[in-house]
PDB file of all heavy atoms in Angstrom:
ATOM      1  N   ASP A   1       4.475  26.932  -7.039  1.00  0.00           N
ATOM      2  CA  ASP A   1       5.035  26.644  -8.362  1.00  0.00           C
ATOM      3  C   ASP A   1       6.506  26.255  -8.251  1.00  0.00           C
ATOM      4  O   ASP A   1       6.987  25.382  -8.971  1.00  0.00           O
ATOM      5  CB  ASP A   1       4.870  27.852  -9.283  1.00  0.00           C
ATOM      6  CG  ASP A   1       3.408  28.105  -9.616  1.00  0.00           C
ATOM      7  OD1 ASP A   1       2.644  27.115  -9.638  1.00  0.00           O
ATOM      8  OD2 ASP A   1       3.042  29.266  -9.849  1.00  0.00           O
ATOM      9  N   ASN A   2       7.232  26.914  -7.351  1.00  0.00           N
ATOM     10  CA  ASN A   2       8.633  26.547  -7.146  1.00  0.00           C
ATOM     11  C   ASN A   2       8.757  25.153  -6.525  1.00  0.00           C
ATOM     12  O   ASN A   2       9.716  24.434  -6.802  1.00  0.00           O
ATOM     13  CB  ASN A   2       9.321  27.570  -6.239  1.00  0.00           C
ATOM     14  CG  ASN A   2       9.485  28.905  -6.921  1.00  0.00           C
ATOM     15  OD1 ASN A   2       9.491  28.982  -8.152  1.00  0.00           O
ATOM     16  ND2 ASN A   2       9.591  29.959  -6.136  1.00  0.00           N
ATOM     17  N   LEU A   3       7.799  24.776  -5.685  1.00  0.00           N
ATOM     18  CA  LEU A   3       7.846  23.453  -5.075  1.00  0.00           C
ATOM     19  C   LEU A   3       7.536  22.350  -6.076  1.00  0.00           C
ATOM     20  O   LEU A   3       7.978  21.219  -5.906  1.00  0.00           O
ATOM     21  CB  LEU A   3       6.862  23.377  -3.911  1.00  0.00           C
ATOM     22  CG  LEU A   3       7.152  24.284  -2.721  1.00  0.00           C
ATOM     23  CD1 LEU A   3       6.047  24.168  -1.692  1.00  0.00           C
ATOM     24  CD2 LEU A   3       8.482  23.941  -2.095  1.00  0.00           C
ATOM     25  N   ARG A   4       6.760  22.680  -7.116  1.00  0.00           N
ATOM     26  CA  ARG A   4       6.371  21.665  -8.101  1.00  0.00           C
ATOM     27  C   ARG A   4       7.396  21.499  -9.226  1.00  0.00           C
ATOM     28  O   ARG A   4       7.207  20.654 -10.079  1.00  0.00           O
ATOM     29  CB  ARG A   4       5.027  22.044  -8.711  1.00  0.00           C
ATOM     30  CG  ARG A   4       3.867  21.903  -7.770  1.00  0.00           C
ATOM     31  CD  ARG A   4       2.556  22.047  -8.507  1.00  0.00           C
ATOM     32  NE  ARG A   4       1.448  22.041  -7.585  1.00  0.00           N
ATOM     33  CZ  ARG A   4       0.816  23.121  -7.170  1.00  0.00           C
ATOM     34  NH1 ARG A   4       1.197  24.302  -7.593  1.00  0.00           N
ATOM     35  NH2 ARG A   4      -0.187  23.027  -6.333  1.00  0.00           N
ATOM     36  N   LYS A   5       8.455  22.276  -9.230  1.00  0.00           N
ATOM     37  CA  LYS A   5       9.421  22.196 -10.336  1.00  0.00           C
ATOM     38  C   LYS A   5      10.084  20.825 -10.417  1.00  0.00           C
ATOM     39  O   LYS A   5      10.249  20.272 -11.480  1.00  0.00           O
ATOM     40  CB  LYS A   5      10.483  23.290 -10.178  1.00  0.00           C
ATOM     41  CG  LYS A   5      10.003  24.654 -10.589  1.00  0.00           C
ATOM     42  CD  LYS A   5      11.101  25.671 -10.475  1.00  0.00           C
ATOM     43  CE  LYS A   5      10.585  27.048 -10.862  1.00  0.00           C
ATOM     44  NZ  LYS A   5      11.597  28.074 -10.672  1.00  0.00           N
ATOM     45  N   ASN A   6      10.487  20.287  -9.282  1.00  0.00           N
ATOM     46  CA  ASN A   6      11.196  19.001  -9.266  1.00  0.00           C
ATOM     47  C   ASN A   6      10.266  17.847  -8.913  1.00  0.00           C
ATOM     48  O   ASN A   6      10.701  16.827  -8.378  1.00  0.00           O
ATOM     49  CB  ASN A   6      12.356  19.054  -8.264  1.00  0.00           C
ATOM     50  CG  ASN A   6      13.379  20.082  -8.650  1.00  0.00           C
ATOM     51  OD1 ASN A   6      13.614  20.315  -9.838  1.00  0.00           O
ATOM     52  ND2 ASN A   6      13.992  20.715  -7.666  1.00  0.00           N
ATOM     53  N   PHE A   7       8.978  17.984  -9.220  1.00  0.00           N
ATOM     54  CA  PHE A   7       8.001  16.965  -8.854  1.00  0.00           C
ATOM     55  C   PHE A   7       8.266  15.646  -9.566  1.00  0.00           C
ATOM     56  O   PHE A   7       8.111  14.578  -8.983  1.00  0.00           O
ATOM     57  CB  PHE A   7       6.592  17.475  -9.175  1.00  0.00           C
ATOM     58  CG  PHE A   7       5.510  16.478  -8.890  1.00  0.00           C
ATOM     59  CD1 PHE A   7       5.158  16.185  -7.589  1.00  0.00           C
ATOM     60  CD2 PHE A   7       4.864  15.818  -9.913  1.00  0.00           C
ATOM     61  CE1 PHE A   7       4.175  15.264  -7.315  1.00  0.00           C
ATOM     62  CE2 PHE A   7       3.877  14.894  -9.651  1.00  0.00           C
ATOM     63  CZ  PHE A   7       3.532  14.616  -8.343  1.00  0.00           C
ATOM     64  N   LYS A   8       8.689  15.702 -10.811  1.00  0.00           N
ATOM     65  CA  LYS A   8       8.892  14.472 -11.589  1.00  0.00           C
ATOM     66  C   LYS A   8      10.053  13.642 -11.055  1.00  0.00           C
ATOM     67  O   LYS A   8      10.112  12.441 -11.307  1.00  0.00           O
ATOM     68  CB  LYS A   8       9.112  14.817 -13.054  1.00  0.00           C
ATOM     69  CG  LYS A   8       7.877  15.403 -13.705  1.00  0.00           C
ATOM     70  CD  LYS A   8       8.097  15.696 -15.157  1.00  0.00           C
ATOM     71  CE  LYS A   8       6.831  16.292 -15.751  1.00  0.00           C
ATOM     72  NZ  LYS A   8       6.989  16.672 -17.132  1.00  0.00           N
ATOM     73  N   ASN A   9      10.966  14.260 -10.325  1.00  0.00           N
ATOM     74  CA  ASN A   9      12.083  13.502  -9.764  1.00  0.00           C
ATOM     75  C   ASN A   9      11.632  12.532  -8.670  1.00  0.00           C
ATOM     76  O   ASN A   9      12.311  11.559  -8.379  1.00  0.00           O
ATOM     77  CB  ASN A   9      13.142  14.446  -9.195  1.00  0.00           C
ATOM     78  CG  ASN A   9      13.772  15.299 -10.274  1.00  0.00           C
ATOM     79  OD1 ASN A   9      13.728  14.965 -11.458  1.00  0.00           O
ATOM     80  ND2 ASN A   9      14.354  16.417  -9.875  1.00  0.00           N
ATOM     81  N   TYR A  10      10.485  12.827  -8.042  1.00  0.00           N
ATOM     82  CA  TYR A  10      10.000  12.004  -6.939  1.00  0.00           C
ATOM     83  C   TYR A  10       9.033  10.918  -7.393  1.00  0.00           C
ATOM     84  O   TYR A  10       8.571  10.133  -6.564  1.00  0.00           O
ATOM     85  CB  TYR A  10       9.323  12.884  -5.891  1.00  0.00           C
ATOM     86  CG  TYR A  10      10.240  13.917  -5.308  1.00  0.00           C
ATOM     87  CD1 TYR A  10      10.062  15.262  -5.577  1.00  0.00           C
ATOM     88  CD2 TYR A  10      11.296  13.549  -4.481  1.00  0.00           C
ATOM     89  CE1 TYR A  10      10.906  16.223  -5.051  1.00  0.00           C
ATOM     90  CE2 TYR A  10      12.144  14.496  -3.947  1.00  0.00           C
ATOM     91  CZ  TYR A  10      11.939  15.831  -4.236  1.00  0.00           C
ATOM     92  OH  TYR A  10      12.779  16.762  -3.710  1.00  0.00           O
ATOM     93  N   ILE A  11       8.693  10.853  -8.664  1.00  0.00           N
ATOM     94  CA  ILE A  11       7.736   9.861  -9.146  1.00  0.00           C
ATOM     95  C   ILE A  11       8.231   8.428  -8.942  1.00  0.00           C
ATOM     96  O   ILE A  11       7.456   7.575  -8.491  1.00  0.00           O
ATOM     97  CB  ILE A  11       7.364  10.150 -10.619  1.00  0.00           C
ATOM     98  CG1 ILE A  11       6.507  11.415 -10.678  1.00  0.00           C
ATOM     99  CG2 ILE A  11       6.619   8.979 -11.235  1.00  0.00           C
ATOM    100  CD1 ILE A  11       6.133  11.836 -12.081  1.00  0.00           C
ATOM    101  N   PRO A  12       9.498   8.092  -9.225  1.00  0.00           N
ATOM    102  CA  PRO A  12       9.929   6.696  -8.994  1.00  0.00           C
ATOM    103  C   PRO A  12       9.814   6.266  -7.529  1.00  0.00           C
ATOM    104  O   PRO A  12       9.336   5.166  -7.234  1.00  0.00           O
ATOM    105  CB  PRO A  12      11.394   6.684  -9.455  1.00  0.00           C
ATOM    106  CG  PRO A  12      11.506   7.826 -10.395  1.00  0.00           C
ATOM    107  CD  PRO A  12      10.557   8.858  -9.907  1.00  0.00           C
ATOM    108  N   VAL A  13      10.212   7.124  -6.610  1.00  0.00           N
ATOM    109  CA  VAL A  13      10.123   6.775  -5.186  1.00  0.00           C
ATOM    110  C   VAL A  13       8.661   6.638  -4.776  1.00  0.00           C
ATOM    111  O   VAL A  13       8.276   5.702  -4.057  1.00  0.00           O
ATOM    112  CB  VAL A  13      10.834   7.844  -4.333  1.00  0.00           C
ATOM    113  CG1 VAL A  13      10.657   7.551  -2.853  1.00  0.00           C
ATOM    114  CG2 VAL A  13      12.298   7.920  -4.685  1.00  0.00           C
ATOM    115  N   GLY A  14       7.812   7.550  -5.236  1.00  0.00           N
ATOM    116  CA  GLY A  14       6.387   7.466  -4.929  1.00  0.00           C
ATOM    117  C   GLY A  14       5.752   6.210  -5.493  1.00  0.00           C
ATOM    118  O   GLY A  14       4.904   5.586  -4.851  1.00  0.00           O
ATOM    119  N   ALA A  15       6.165   5.821  -6.708  1.00  0.00           N
ATOM    120  CA  ALA A  15       5.623   4.604  -7.319  1.00  0.00           C
ATOM    121  C   ALA A  15       6.045   3.362  -6.529  1.00  0.00           C
ATOM    122  O   ALA A  15       5.233   2.447  -6.312  1.00  0.00           O
ATOM    123  CB  ALA A  15       6.078   4.498  -8.765  1.00  0.00           C
ATOM    124  N   ILE A  16       7.289   3.322  -6.085  1.00  0.00           N
ATOM    125  CA  ILE A  16       7.766   2.172  -5.298  1.00  0.00           C
ATOM    126  C   ILE A  16       6.994   2.066  -3.979  1.00  0.00           C
ATOM    127  O   ILE A  16       6.549   0.979  -3.580  1.00  0.00           O
ATOM    128  CB  ILE A  16       9.286   2.284  -5.053  1.00  0.00           C
ATOM    129  CG1 ILE A  16      10.037   2.097  -6.371  1.00  0.00           C
ATOM    130  CG2 ILE A  16       9.756   1.281  -4.015  1.00  0.00           C
ATOM    131  CD1 ILE A  16      11.511   2.399  -6.290  1.00  0.00           C
ATOM    132  N   VAL A  17       6.817   3.205  -3.306  1.00  0.00           N
ATOM    133  CA  VAL A  17       6.075   3.191  -2.037  1.00  0.00           C
ATOM    134  C   VAL A  17       4.622   2.776  -2.279  1.00  0.00           C
ATOM    135  O   VAL A  17       4.049   1.987  -1.516  1.00  0.00           O
ATOM    136  CB  VAL A  17       6.168   4.577  -1.358  1.00  0.00           C
ATOM    137  CG1 VAL A  17       5.219   4.655  -0.172  1.00  0.00           C
ATOM    138  CG2 VAL A  17       7.587   4.857  -0.920  1.00  0.00           C
ATOM    139  N   GLY A  18       4.008   3.272  -3.348  1.00  0.00           N
ATOM    140  CA  GLY A  18       2.629   2.899  -3.663  1.00  0.00           C
ATOM    141  C   GLY A  18       2.487   1.413  -3.957  1.00  0.00           C
ATOM    142  O   GLY A  18       1.530   0.766  -3.505  1.00  0.00           O
ATOM    143  N   ILE A  19       3.424   0.859  -4.690  1.00  0.00           N
ATOM    144  CA  ILE A  19       3.386  -0.581  -4.994  1.00  0.00           C
ATOM    145  C   ILE A  19       3.560  -1.404  -3.722  1.00  0.00           C
ATOM    146  O   ILE A  19       2.870  -2.413  -3.516  1.00  0.00           O
ATOM    147  CB  ILE A  19       4.454  -0.929  -6.053  1.00  0.00           C
ATOM    148  CG1 ILE A  19       4.057  -0.336  -7.409  1.00  0.00           C
ATOM    149  CG2 ILE A  19       4.650  -2.428  -6.162  1.00  0.00           C
ATOM    150  CD1 ILE A  19       5.133  -0.405  -8.451  1.00  0.00           C
ATOM    151  N   LEU A  20       4.466  -0.975  -2.844  1.00  0.00           N
ATOM    152  CA  LEU A  20       4.650  -1.696  -1.573  1.00  0.00           C
ATOM    153  C   LEU A  20       3.381  -1.663  -0.724  1.00  0.00           C
ATOM    154  O   LEU A  20       3.007  -2.670  -0.117  1.00  0.00           O
ATOM    155  CB  LEU A  20       5.823  -1.098  -0.794  1.00  0.00           C
ATOM    156  CG  LEU A  20       7.218  -1.408  -1.331  1.00  0.00           C
ATOM    157  CD1 LEU A  20       8.268  -0.652  -0.543  1.00  0.00           C
ATOM    158  CD2 LEU A  20       7.480  -2.894  -1.282  1.00  0.00           C
ATOM    159  N   VAL A  21       2.709  -0.512  -0.684  1.00  0.00           N
ATOM    160  CA  VAL A  21       1.463  -0.420   0.087  1.00  0.00           C
ATOM    161  C   VAL A  21       0.399  -1.339  -0.510  1.00  0.00           C
ATOM    162  O   VAL A  21      -0.323  -2.040   0.215  1.00  0.00           O
ATOM    163  CB  VAL A  21       0.984   1.049   0.146  1.00  0.00           C
ATOM    164  CG1 VAL A  21      -0.428   1.140   0.697  1.00  0.00           C
ATOM    165  CG2 VAL A  21       1.922   1.881   0.995  1.00  0.00           C
ATOM    166  N   LEU A  22       0.291  -1.368  -1.839  1.00  0.00           N
ATOM    167  CA  LEU A  22      -0.680  -2.259  -2.483  1.00  0.00           C
ATOM    168  C   LEU A  22      -0.369  -3.724  -2.205  1.00  0.00           C
ATOM    169  O   LEU A  22      -1.273  -4.530  -1.974  1.00  0.00           O
ATOM    170  CB  LEU A  22      -0.720  -1.991  -3.986  1.00  0.00           C
ATOM    171  CG  LEU A  22      -1.440  -0.720  -4.428  1.00  0.00           C
ATOM    172  CD1 LEU A  22      -1.305  -0.518  -5.928  1.00  0.00           C
ATOM    173  CD2 LEU A  22      -2.898  -0.780  -4.038  1.00  0.00           C
ATOM    174  N   VAL A  23       0.914  -4.092  -2.230  1.00  0.00           N
ATOM    175  CA  VAL A  23       1.292  -5.480  -1.938  1.00  0.00           C
ATOM    176  C   VAL A  23       0.942  -5.839  -0.493  1.00  0.00           C
ATOM    177  O   VAL A  23       0.404  -6.927  -0.224  1.00  0.00           O
ATOM    178  CB  VAL A  23       2.795  -5.684  -2.225  1.00  0.00           C
ATOM    179  CG1 VAL A  23       3.301  -6.993  -1.643  1.00  0.00           C
ATOM    180  CG2 VAL A  23       3.063  -5.630  -3.716  1.00  0.00           C
ATOM    181  N   GLU A  24       1.212  -4.918   0.444  1.00  0.00           N
ATOM    182  CA  GLU A  24       0.873  -5.186   1.838  1.00  0.00           C
ATOM    183  C   GLU A  24      -0.633  -5.350   2.021  1.00  0.00           C
ATOM    184  O   GLU A  24      -1.088  -6.243   2.736  1.00  0.00           O
ATOM    185  CB  GLU A  24       1.386  -4.051   2.727  1.00  0.00           C
ATOM    186  CG  GLU A  24       2.881  -4.041   2.886  1.00  0.00           C
ATOM    187  CD  GLU A  24       3.361  -2.842   3.674  1.00  0.00           C
ATOM    188  OE1 GLU A  24       2.513  -2.013   4.064  1.00  0.00           O
ATOM    189  OE2 GLU A  24       4.565  -2.729   3.904  1.00  0.00           O
ATOM    190  N   MET A  25      -1.421  -4.485   1.387  1.00  0.00           N
ATOM    191  CA  MET A  25      -2.875  -4.597   1.500  1.00  0.00           C
ATOM    192  C   MET A  25      -3.376  -5.905   0.896  1.00  0.00           C
ATOM    193  O   MET A  25      -4.258  -6.564   1.457  1.00  0.00           O
ATOM    194  CB  MET A  25      -3.545  -3.401   0.813  1.00  0.00           C
ATOM    195  CG  MET A  25      -3.370  -2.099   1.569  1.00  0.00           C
ATOM    196  SD  MET A  25      -3.968  -0.666   0.692  1.00  0.00           S
ATOM    197  CE  MET A  25      -5.668  -1.061   0.467  1.00  0.00           C
ATOM    198  N   ALA A  26      -2.795  -6.300  -0.245  1.00  0.00           N
ATOM    199  CA  ALA A  26      -3.204  -7.562  -0.867  1.00  0.00           C
ATOM    200  C   ALA A  26      -2.858  -8.745   0.031  1.00  0.00           C
ATOM    201  O   ALA A  26      -3.655  -9.682   0.171  1.00  0.00           O
ATOM    202  CB  ALA A  26      -2.537  -7.706  -2.231  1.00  0.00           C
ATOM    203  N   LEU A  27      -1.682  -8.713   0.669  1.00  0.00           N
ATOM    204  CA  LEU A  27      -1.300  -9.799   1.569  1.00  0.00           C
ATOM    205  C   LEU A  27      -2.230  -9.882   2.771  1.00  0.00           C
ATOM    206  O   LEU A  27      -2.594 -10.981   3.219  1.00  0.00           O
ATOM    207  CB  LEU A  27       0.144  -9.619   2.036  1.00  0.00           C
ATOM    208  CG  LEU A  27       1.224  -9.866   0.976  1.00  0.00           C
ATOM    209  CD1 LEU A  27       2.597  -9.523   1.520  1.00  0.00           C
ATOM    210  CD2 LEU A  27       1.168 -11.309   0.499  1.00  0.00           C
ATOM    211  N   VAL A  28      -2.634  -8.732   3.310  1.00  0.00           N
ATOM    212  CA  VAL A  28      -3.553  -8.740   4.450  1.00  0.00           C
ATOM    213  C   VAL A  28      -4.905  -9.308   4.039  1.00  0.00           C
ATOM    214  O   VAL A  28      -5.502 -10.131   4.745  1.00  0.00           O
ATOM    215  CB  VAL A  28      -3.693  -7.315   5.026  1.00  0.00           C
ATOM    216  CG1 VAL A  28      -4.862  -7.228   5.999  1.00  0.00           C
ATOM    217  CG2 VAL A  28      -2.412  -6.903   5.708  1.00  0.00           C
ATOM    218  N   ILE A  29      -5.412  -8.891   2.871  1.00  0.00           N
ATOM    219  CA  ILE A  29      -6.723  -9.378   2.415  1.00  0.00           C
ATOM    220  C   ILE A  29      -6.674 -10.870   2.117  1.00  0.00           C
ATOM    221  O   ILE A  29      -7.564 -11.626   2.516  1.00  0.00           O
ATOM    222  CB  ILE A  29      -7.189  -8.569   1.194  1.00  0.00           C
ATOM    223  CG1 ILE A  29      -7.503  -7.134   1.618  1.00  0.00           C
ATOM    224  CG2 ILE A  29      -8.404  -9.207   0.545  1.00  0.00           C
ATOM    225  CD1 ILE A  29      -7.760  -6.191   0.463  1.00  0.00           C
ATOM    226  N   ILE A  30      -5.616 -11.310   1.430  1.00  0.00           N
ATOM    227  CA  ILE A  30      -5.492 -12.730   1.113  1.00  0.00           C
ATOM    228  C   ILE A  30      -5.300 -13.550   2.387  1.00  0.00           C
ATOM    229  O   ILE A  30      -5.891 -14.612   2.563  1.00  0.00           O
ATOM    230  CB  ILE A  30      -4.327 -12.960   0.124  1.00  0.00           C
ATOM    231  CG1 ILE A  30      -4.674 -12.348  -1.237  1.00  0.00           C
ATOM    232  CG2 ILE A  30      -4.009 -14.439  -0.011  1.00  0.00           C
ATOM    233  CD1 ILE A  30      -3.507 -12.298  -2.190  1.00  0.00           C
ATOM    234  N   GLY A  31      -4.487 -13.019   3.322  1.00  0.00           N
ATOM    235  CA  GLY A  31      -4.255 -13.733   4.579  1.00  0.00           C
ATOM    236  C   GLY A  31      -5.514 -13.853   5.413  1.00  0.00           C
ATOM    237  O   GLY A  31      -5.757 -14.888   6.041  1.00  0.00           O
ATOM    238  N   SER A  32      -6.344 -12.821   5.418  1.00  0.00           N
ATOM    239  CA  SER A  32      -7.584 -12.908   6.190  1.00  0.00           C
ATOM    240  C   SER A  32      -8.570 -13.871   5.526  1.00  0.00           C
ATOM    241  O   SER A  32      -9.354 -14.522   6.206  1.00  0.00           O
ATOM    242  CB  SER A  32      -8.215 -11.531   6.345  1.00  0.00           C
ATOM    243  OG  SER A  32      -8.612 -11.037   5.074  1.00  0.00           O
ATOM    244  N   GLY A  33      -8.525 -13.986   4.196  1.00  0.00           N
ATOM    245  CA  GLY A  33      -9.415 -14.929   3.517  1.00  0.00           C
ATOM    246  C   GLY A  33      -8.972 -16.363   3.704  1.00  0.00           C
ATOM    247  O   GLY A  33      -9.799 -17.270   3.840  1.00  0.00           O
ATOM    248  N   VAL A  34      -7.665 -16.597   3.745  1.00  0.00           N
ATOM    249  CA  VAL A  34      -7.149 -17.958   3.895  1.00  0.00           C
ATOM    250  C   VAL A  34      -7.307 -18.442   5.332  1.00  0.00           C
ATOM    251  O   VAL A  34      -7.709 -19.576   5.589  1.00  0.00           O
ATOM    252  CB  VAL A  34      -5.660 -18.016   3.466  1.00  0.00           C
ATOM    253  CG1 VAL A  34      -5.029 -19.345   3.846  1.00  0.00           C
ATOM    254  CG2 VAL A  34      -5.542 -17.759   1.983  1.00  0.00           C
ATOM    255  N   ALA A  35      -7.010 -17.566   6.288  1.00  0.00           N
ATOM    256  CA  ALA A  35      -7.046 -17.966   7.693  1.00  0.00           C
ATOM    257  C   ALA A  35      -8.468 -18.128   8.198  1.00  0.00           C
ATOM    258  O   ALA A  35      -8.693 -18.760   9.217  1.00  0.00           O
ATOM    259  CB  ALA A  35      -6.312 -16.928   8.550  1.00  0.00           C
ATOM    260  N   GLY A  36      -9.419 -17.562   7.515  1.00  0.00           N
ATOM    261  CA  GLY A  36     -10.808 -17.653   7.975  1.00  0.00           C
ATOM    262  C   GLY A  36     -11.121 -16.552   8.958  1.00  0.00           C
ATOM    263  O   GLY A  36     -10.327 -15.660   9.215  1.00  0.00           O
ATOM    264  N   SER A  37     -12.267 -16.641   9.538  1.00  0.00           N
ATOM    265  CA  SER A  37     -12.721 -15.611  10.462  1.00  0.00           C
ATOM    266  C   SER A  37     -12.152 -15.878  11.844  1.00  0.00           C
ATOM    267  O   SER A  37     -12.508 -16.854  12.496  1.00  0.00           O
ATOM    268  CB  SER A  37     -14.246 -15.578  10.507  1.00  0.00           C
ATOM    269  OG  SER A  37     -14.672 -14.624  11.432  1.00  0.00           O
ATOM    270  N   THR A  38     -11.248 -15.025  12.284  1.00  0.00           N
ATOM    271  CA  THR A  38     -10.675 -15.133  13.632  1.00  0.00           C
ATOM    272  C   THR A  38     -11.115 -13.948  14.482  1.00  0.00           C
ATOM    273  O   THR A  38     -10.422 -13.557  15.399  1.00  0.00           O
ATOM    274  CB  THR A  38      -9.139 -15.171  13.558  1.00  0.00           C
ATOM    275  OG1 THR A  38      -8.694 -13.969  12.909  1.00  0.00           O
ATOM    276  CG2 THR A  38      -8.664 -16.392  12.801  1.00  0.00           C
ATOM    277  N   ALA A  39     -12.263 -13.383  14.156  1.00  0.00           N
ATOM    278  CA  ALA A  39     -12.729 -12.212  14.886  1.00  0.00           C
ATOM    279  C   ALA A  39     -13.171 -12.608  16.286  1.00  0.00           C
ATOM    280  O   ALA A  39     -13.717 -13.679  16.506  1.00  0.00           O
ATOM    281  CB  ALA A  39     -13.893 -11.547  14.144  1.00  0.00           C
ATOM    282  N   VAL A  40     -12.921 -11.705  17.211  1.00  0.00           N
ATOM    283  CA  VAL A  40     -13.335 -11.919  18.588  1.00  0.00           C
ATOM    284  C   VAL A  40     -14.852 -11.742  18.657  1.00  0.00           C
ATOM    285  O   VAL A  40     -15.392 -10.821  18.050  1.00  0.00           O
ATOM    286  CB  VAL A  40     -12.633 -10.889  19.509  1.00  0.00           C
ATOM    287  CG1 VAL A  40     -13.082 -11.057  20.951  1.00  0.00           C
ATOM    288  CG2 VAL A  40     -11.141 -11.037  19.383  1.00  0.00           C
ATOM    289  N   PRO A  41     -15.554 -12.618  19.344  1.00  0.00           N
ATOM    290  CA  PRO A  41     -17.007 -12.451  19.419  1.00  0.00           C
ATOM    291  C   PRO A  41     -17.373 -11.133  20.083  1.00  0.00           C
ATOM    292  O   PRO A  41     -16.719 -10.694  21.023  1.00  0.00           O
ATOM    293  CB  PRO A  41     -17.472 -13.658  20.239  1.00  0.00           C
ATOM    294  CG  PRO A  41     -16.246 -14.204  20.870  1.00  0.00           C
ATOM    295  CD  PRO A  41     -15.079 -13.782  20.051  1.00  0.00           C
ATOM    296  N   MET A  42     -18.429 -10.519  19.567  1.00  0.00           N
ATOM    297  CA  MET A  42     -18.863  -9.213  20.051  1.00  0.00           C
ATOM    298  C   MET A  42     -19.450  -9.351  21.461  1.00  0.00           C
ATOM    299  O   MET A  42     -20.182 -10.281  21.748  1.00  0.00           O
ATOM    300  CB  MET A  42     -19.919  -8.625  19.114  1.00  0.00           C
ATOM    301  CG  MET A  42     -19.395  -8.274  17.737  1.00  0.00           C
ATOM    302  SD  MET A  42     -18.227  -6.927  17.770  1.00  0.00           S
ATOM    303  CE  MET A  42     -19.301  -5.587  18.197  1.00  0.00           C
TER     304      MET A  42
END
């Protein structure tokens, strides 16, 4: 309970990190769709 007292102070930093992770994932997905299949043959 003492650790959760200042939880709201960390929401902006957490939101920024979450948005950056989502942007990176979107760039990877879009980049893999644009570049086509470059997978190494099994």
